[in-house]
Protein backbone atom coordinates (compact mmCIF):
# COMPACT_ATOMS: atom_id res chain seq x y z
CA UNK A 1 18.25 -63.56 -45.57
CA UNK A 2 21.32 -64.88 -43.79
CA UNK A 3 22.12 -68.57 -43.37
CA UNK A 4 24.88 -70.50 -41.64
CA UNK A 5 26.25 -73.54 -43.43
CA UNK A 6 27.67 -76.08 -40.99
CA UNK A 7 30.15 -78.18 -42.92
CA UNK A 8 30.15 -81.72 -41.44
CA UNK A 9 32.53 -84.51 -42.29
CA UNK A 10 34.40 -87.48 -40.88
CA UNK A 11 37.43 -85.62 -39.58
CA UNK A 12 39.56 -88.76 -39.57
CA UNK A 13 39.72 -88.47 -43.38
CA UNK A 14 39.62 -84.69 -43.64
CA UNK A 15 42.04 -83.30 -46.24
CA UNK A 16 44.72 -80.76 -45.42
CA UNK A 17 44.32 -77.09 -46.29
CA UNK A 18 46.81 -77.58 -49.14
CA UNK A 19 44.77 -80.49 -50.53
CA UNK A 20 41.60 -78.38 -50.37
CA UNK A 21 43.24 -75.50 -52.19
CA UNK A 22 44.36 -77.90 -54.94
CA UNK A 23 40.94 -79.59 -55.27
CA UNK A 24 39.21 -78.33 -58.45
CA UNK A 25 35.73 -79.11 -57.05
CA UNK A 26 36.41 -77.13 -53.86
CA UNK A 27 37.90 -74.25 -55.88
CA UNK A 28 34.86 -74.23 -58.21
CA UNK A 29 32.56 -74.01 -55.18
CA UNK A 30 34.55 -71.03 -53.86
CA UNK A 31 34.39 -69.35 -57.26
CA UNK A 32 30.60 -69.84 -57.31
CA UNK A 33 30.32 -68.16 -53.90
CA UNK A 34 32.45 -65.27 -55.15
CA UNK A 35 30.39 -64.92 -58.35
CA UNK A 36 27.18 -64.78 -56.33
CA UNK A 37 28.64 -62.42 -53.73
CA UNK A 38 26.88 -64.58 -51.12
CA UNK A 39 29.67 -65.36 -48.64
CA UNK A 40 29.86 -63.05 -45.63
CA UNK A 41 32.26 -65.15 -43.56
CA UNK A 42 33.82 -68.58 -43.71
CA UNK A 43 36.30 -70.48 -41.58
CA UNK A 44 37.70 -73.96 -41.25
CA UNK A 45 37.60 -75.23 -37.68
CA UNK A 46 40.43 -76.93 -35.84
CA UNK A 47 39.95 -80.67 -35.09
CA UNK A 48 37.52 -81.73 -32.38
CA UNK A 49 40.46 -82.80 -30.21
CA UNK A 50 41.16 -79.07 -29.79
CA UNK A 51 37.58 -78.33 -28.66
CA UNK A 52 36.44 -77.39 -25.17
CA UNK A 53 32.83 -77.93 -24.16
CA UNK A 54 31.16 -75.91 -21.38
CA UNK A 55 27.95 -76.87 -19.58
CA UNK A 56 26.36 -75.41 -16.48
CA UNK A 57 24.34 -77.83 -14.33
CA UNK A 58 22.80 -76.85 -11.02
CA UNK A 59 24.96 -73.73 -10.90
CA UNK A 60 28.20 -75.67 -11.47
CA UNK A 61 30.29 -74.96 -14.56
CA UNK A 62 31.47 -78.20 -16.14
CA UNK A 63 34.34 -77.96 -18.63
CA UNK A 64 35.47 -80.92 -20.70
CA UNK A 65 37.97 -81.43 -23.48
CA UNK A 66 36.64 -82.47 -26.84
CA UNK A 67 33.48 -81.99 -28.85
CA UNK A 68 29.91 -81.64 -27.62
CA UNK A 69 28.92 -85.00 -29.14
CA UNK A 70 30.48 -88.41 -29.57
CA UNK A 71 30.25 -88.99 -33.30
CA UNK A 72 32.59 -89.41 -36.25
CA UNK A 73 30.82 -86.67 -38.26
CA UNK A 74 31.72 -83.32 -36.74
CA UNK A 75 31.33 -79.70 -37.76
CA UNK A 76 34.61 -78.87 -39.48
CA UNK A 77 33.78 -75.42 -40.81
CA UNK A 78 31.18 -72.72 -41.11
CA UNK A 79 30.13 -70.34 -43.85
CA UNK A 80 27.79 -67.40 -43.36
CA UNK A 81 25.76 -66.57 -46.47
CA UNK A 82 23.52 -63.73 -47.56
CA UNK A 83 20.91 -65.26 -49.89
CA UNK A 84 17.63 -64.29 -51.48
CA UNK A 85 15.93 -67.29 -49.88
CA UNK A 86 16.34 -70.85 -48.64
CA UNK A 87 16.28 -72.18 -52.21
CA UNK A 88 19.45 -70.24 -53.03
CA UNK A 89 21.11 -71.42 -49.79
CA UNK A 90 20.25 -75.03 -50.73
CA UNK A 91 21.68 -74.53 -54.21
CA UNK A 92 24.93 -73.19 -52.75
CA UNK A 93 25.15 -75.93 -50.11
CA UNK A 94 24.52 -78.64 -52.72
CA UNK A 95 27.61 -77.47 -54.58
CA UNK A 96 29.92 -77.99 -51.59
CA UNK A 97 32.21 -81.01 -52.06
CA UNK A 98 31.45 -82.33 -48.55
CA UNK A 99 27.85 -83.11 -49.54
CA UNK A 100 29.24 -86.14 -51.40
CA UNK A 101 30.81 -87.73 -48.31
CA UNK A 102 29.52 -85.79 -45.27
CA UNK A 103 26.79 -83.21 -45.15
CA UNK A 104 26.13 -79.48 -45.04
CA UNK A 105 23.50 -78.33 -42.55
CA UNK A 106 21.74 -75.03 -43.29
CA UNK A 107 20.49 -72.89 -40.43
CA UNK A 108 18.71 -69.56 -40.75
CA UNK A 109 20.27 -66.83 -38.64
CA UNK A 110 18.05 -64.82 -36.30
CA UNK A 111 17.97 -61.23 -37.51
């Protein structure tokens, strides 16, 4: 079964890519994904200031700069997994460093 991990954090304290690559906890999580062969896709997202939100109301397209929600915790990355079941997805998500200061939301993907 496929799952999307939505990596959420307070982007005002988000580390740089270089800091992530040097973080032993983050590297260990990546190595665990590789060992399991579970990752199908992963990407870090640009800051919410670079976002564009689109809504259509009463036939009018409304475009605004910024994220879809006003909150300090924003989705900063996604990972697509192929897992045996939700229990394995939870185990993988629990190993992500952001679970100690933000959160990782797991969503099943429609097949």
